[in-house]
C-alpha cells in the first residue's frame, strides 16, 4: 500500500510540474543591423590574417603588443612568418606572427610594404 501511494504522489507531482512549465523563449531576431563595410583610413590594413610575409629587415618579436614590452625573439631578414591576428592599441596596429621557430607581436610598421 505504501508503494502505491508513493508512486501516486510521484506521478501527481510530475503532472503538476508539467502543467506549470513555461514555453521556451523565442530566439531574438536581429533588426536594423548595420556595420561599416570598410574601416576608416588609418585603421585598415594592407595585410590579412593567414597571409605569409617575408621580413625585409631584422625584426624583434615582443611577448605583448608594446614597444617597451619584453622581447620574445629576433628574426633575420628574409624570414617567412604567418600573420595570425591584428590588434589596435595606443601605439598603433600590431600583428601576432608565427615563424618557423618563434612567435610574438610586431608593430605593423615593421612589416614590409607590399
C-alpha atoms as a PDB file:
ATOM      1  CA  UNK A   1       0.000   0.000   0.000  1.00  0.00           C
ATOM      2  CA  UNK A   2       2.856   2.367   0.833  1.00  0.00           C
ATOM      3  CA  UNK A   3       4.461   1.619  -2.548  1.00  0.00           C
ATOM      4  CA  UNK A   4       1.295   2.511  -4.432  1.00  0.00           C
ATOM      5  CA  UNK A   5       0.812   5.804  -2.565  1.00  0.00           C
ATOM      6  CA  UNK A   6       4.448   6.844  -3.181  1.00  0.00           C
ATOM      7  CA  UNK A   7       4.074   6.118  -6.907  1.00  0.00           C
ATOM      8  CA  UNK A   8       0.805   8.065  -6.939  1.00  0.00           C
ATOM      9  CA  UNK A   9       2.463  11.054  -5.259  1.00  0.00           C
ATOM     10  CA  UNK A  10       5.381  10.970  -7.697  1.00  0.00           C
ATOM     11  CA  UNK A  11       3.046  10.809 -10.695  1.00  0.00           C
ATOM     12  CA  UNK A  12       0.915  13.639  -9.311  1.00  0.00           C
ATOM     13  CA  UNK A  13       3.997  15.800  -8.741  1.00  0.00           C
ATOM     14  CA  UNK A  14       5.173  15.095 -12.280  1.00  0.00           C
ATOM     15  CA  UNK A  15       1.833  16.115 -13.749  1.00  0.00           C
ATOM     16  CA  UNK A  16       1.779  19.268 -11.632  1.00  0.00           C
ATOM     17  CA  UNK A  17       5.295  20.250 -12.769  1.00  0.00           C
ATOM     18  CA  UNK A  18       4.451  19.528 -16.402  1.00  0.00           C
ATOM     19  CA  UNK A  19       1.349  21.722 -16.164  1.00  0.00           C
ATOM     20  CA  UNK A  20       3.404  24.601 -14.679  1.00  0.00           C
ATOM     21  CA  UNK A  21       6.173  24.594 -17.264  1.00  0.00           C
ATOM     22  CA  UNK A  22       6.570  27.680 -19.423  1.00  0.00           C
ATOM     23  CA  UNK A  23       7.176  27.568 -23.150  1.00  0.00           C
ATOM     24  CA  UNK A  24      10.731  28.008 -24.404  1.00  0.00           C
ATOM     25  CA  UNK A  25      11.632  31.633 -25.163  1.00  0.00           C
ATOM     26  CA  UNK A  26      11.620  32.672 -28.807  1.00  0.00           C
ATOM     27  CA  UNK A  27      15.046  33.365 -30.344  1.00  0.00           C
ATOM     28  CA  UNK A  28      15.868  37.034 -30.830  1.00  0.00           C
ATOM     29  CA  UNK A  29      15.820  38.418 -34.338  1.00  0.00           C
ATOM     30  CA  UNK A  30      18.408  40.950 -35.491  1.00  0.00           C
ATOM     31  CA  UNK A  31      16.831  44.163 -36.701  1.00  0.00           C
ATOM     32  CA  UNK A  32      18.423  47.260 -38.189  1.00  0.00           C
ATOM     33  CA  UNK A  33      21.884  45.781 -38.037  1.00  0.00           C
ATOM     34  CA  UNK A  34      24.383  47.929 -39.859  1.00  0.00           C
ATOM     35  CA  UNK A  35      28.139  47.913 -39.838  1.00  0.00           C
ATOM     36  CA  UNK A  36      30.727  49.787 -41.854  1.00  0.00           C
ATOM     37  CA  UNK A  37      31.818  47.880 -44.919  1.00  0.00           C
ATOM     38  CA  UNK A  38      35.317  49.327 -44.734  1.00  0.00           C
ATOM     39  CA  UNK A  39      37.445  50.507 -41.856  1.00  0.00           C
ATOM     40  CA  UNK A  40      38.207  54.231 -41.773  1.00  0.00           C
ATOM     41  CA  UNK A  41      41.524  55.348 -43.238  1.00  0.00           C
ATOM     42  CA  UNK A  42      44.318  54.669 -40.769  1.00  0.00           C
ATOM     43  CA  UNK A  43      42.598  51.631 -39.275  1.00  0.00           C
ATOM     44  CA  UNK A  44      42.555  49.475 -42.401  1.00  0.00           C
ATOM     45  CA  UNK A  45      45.490  47.171 -43.089  1.00  0.00           C
ATOM     46  CA  UNK A  46      47.117  46.047 -46.300  1.00  0.00           C
ATOM     47  CA  UNK A  47      47.597  42.621 -44.673  1.00  0.00           C
ATOM     48  CA  UNK A  48      45.127  39.835 -43.948  1.00  0.00           C
ATOM     49  CA  UNK A  49      45.179  37.151 -41.220  1.00  0.00           C
ATOM     50  CA  UNK A  50      46.645  33.919 -42.584  1.00  0.00           C
ATOM     51  CA  UNK A  51      48.904  35.748 -45.043  1.00  0.00           C
ATOM     52  CA  UNK A  52      52.604  34.764 -45.222  1.00  0.00           C
ATOM     53  CA  UNK A  53      55.111  37.623 -45.301  1.00  0.00           C
ATOM     54  CA  UNK A  54      58.893  37.676 -45.823  1.00  0.00           C
ATOM     55  CA  UNK A  55      60.524  40.079 -43.362  1.00  0.00           C
ATOM     56  CA  UNK A  56      62.638  42.749 -45.069  1.00  0.00           C
ATOM     57  CA  UNK A  57      64.813  43.619 -42.059  1.00  0.00           C
ATOM     58  CA  UNK A  58      65.874  42.094 -38.739  1.00  0.00           C
ATOM     59  CA  UNK A  59      62.688  42.072 -36.659  1.00  0.00           C
ATOM     60  CA  UNK A  60      62.168  41.913 -32.900  1.00  0.00           C
ATOM     61  CA  UNK A  61      59.190  39.901 -31.664  1.00  0.00           C
ATOM     62  CA  UNK A  62      57.571  41.025 -28.417  1.00  0.00           C
ATOM     63  CA  UNK A  63      55.625  38.981 -25.856  1.00  0.00           C
ATOM     64  CA  UNK A  64      52.934  41.688 -25.782  1.00  0.00           C
ATOM     65  CA  UNK A  65      51.948  44.342 -28.338  1.00  0.00           C
ATOM     66  CA  UNK A  66      54.008  47.086 -26.675  1.00  0.00           C
ATOM     67  CA  UNK A  67      57.190  48.797 -27.920  1.00  0.00           C
ATOM     68  CA  UNK A  68      58.675  48.699 -24.414  1.00  0.00           C
ATOM     69  CA  UNK A  69      57.497  45.126 -23.874  1.00  0.00           C
ATOM     70  CA  UNK A  70      59.596  42.073 -23.176  1.00  0.00           C
ATOM     71  CA  UNK A  71      61.415  40.634 -26.198  1.00  0.00           C
ATOM     72  CA  UNK A  72      60.341  37.148 -27.296  1.00  0.00           C
ATOM     73  CA  UNK A  73      62.787  36.582 -30.184  1.00  0.00           C
ATOM     74  CA  UNK A  74      64.627  38.217 -33.069  1.00  0.00           C
ATOM     75  CA  UNK A  75      64.094  37.108 -36.638  1.00  0.00           C
ATOM     76  CA  UNK A  76      66.540  37.668 -39.515  1.00  0.00           C
ATOM     77  CA  UNK A  77      65.719  39.402 -42.798  1.00  0.00           C
ATOM     78  CA  UNK A  78      64.000  37.077 -45.242  1.00  0.00           C
ATOM     79  CA  UNK A  79      62.336  35.002 -42.511  1.00  0.00           C
ATOM     80  CA  UNK A  80      58.867  33.841 -43.552  1.00  0.00           C
ATOM     81  CA  UNK A  81      56.162  34.496 -40.973  1.00  0.00           C
ATOM     82  CA  UNK A  82      52.422  33.855 -40.891  1.00  0.00           C
ATOM     83  CA  UNK A  83      50.155  36.688 -39.758  1.00  0.00           C
ATOM     84  CA  UNK A  84      47.781  35.307 -37.112  1.00  0.00           C
ATOM     85  CA  UNK A  85      45.736  38.230 -35.762  1.00  0.00           C
ATOM     86  CA  UNK A  86      45.799  42.017 -35.539  1.00  0.00           C
ATOM     87  CA  UNK A  87      45.094  44.379 -32.652  1.00  0.00           C
ATOM     88  CA  UNK A  88      44.981  48.154 -32.358  1.00  0.00           C
ATOM     89  CA  UNK A  89      46.231  49.968 -29.283  1.00  0.00           C
ATOM     90  CA  UNK A  90      47.585  53.413 -28.384  1.00  0.00           C
ATOM     91  CA  UNK A  91      50.860  52.541 -30.168  1.00  0.00           C
ATOM     92  CA  UNK A  92      49.077  51.632 -33.407  1.00  0.00           C
ATOM     93  CA  UNK A  93      48.357  48.330 -35.159  1.00  0.00           C
ATOM     94  CA  UNK A  94      50.193  45.151 -34.112  1.00  0.00           C
ATOM     95  CA  UNK A  95      50.267  41.647 -35.604  1.00  0.00           C
ATOM     96  CA  UNK A  96      50.674  38.369 -33.797  1.00  0.00           C
ATOM     97  CA  UNK A  97      53.005  36.441 -36.080  1.00  0.00           C
ATOM     98  CA  UNK A  98      54.301  32.906 -36.159  1.00  0.00           C
ATOM     99  CA  UNK A  99      57.659  31.988 -37.671  1.00  0.00           C
ATOM    100  CA  UNK A 100      59.359  28.645 -38.058  1.00  0.00           C
ATOM    101  CA  UNK A 101      60.790  28.640 -34.524  1.00  0.00           C
ATOM    102  CA  UNK A 102      59.230  31.682 -32.853  1.00  0.00           C
ATOM    103  CA  UNK A 103      56.005  33.576 -32.315  1.00  0.00           C
ATOM    104  CA  UNK A 104      55.273  37.031 -30.953  1.00  0.00           C
ATOM    105  CA  UNK A 105      53.972  40.518 -31.666  1.00  0.00           C
ATOM    106  CA  UNK A 106      55.357  43.020 -34.181  1.00  0.00           C
ATOM    107  CA  UNK A 107      54.282  46.545 -34.967  1.00  0.00           C
ATOM    108  CA  UNK A 108      52.671  46.730 -38.396  1.00  0.00           C
ATOM    109  CA  UNK A 109      55.197  49.494 -39.210  1.00  0.00           C
ATOM    110  CA  UNK A 110      57.993  46.889 -39.162  1.00  0.00           C
ATOM    111  CA  UNK A 111      56.342  44.675 -41.795  1.00  0.00           C
ATOM    112  CA  UNK A 112      57.499  45.129 -45.404  1.00  0.00           C
ATOM    113  CA  UNK A 113      55.479  47.254 -47.788  1.00  0.00           C
ATOM    114  CA  UNK A 114      53.842  45.172 -50.466  1.00  0.00           C
END
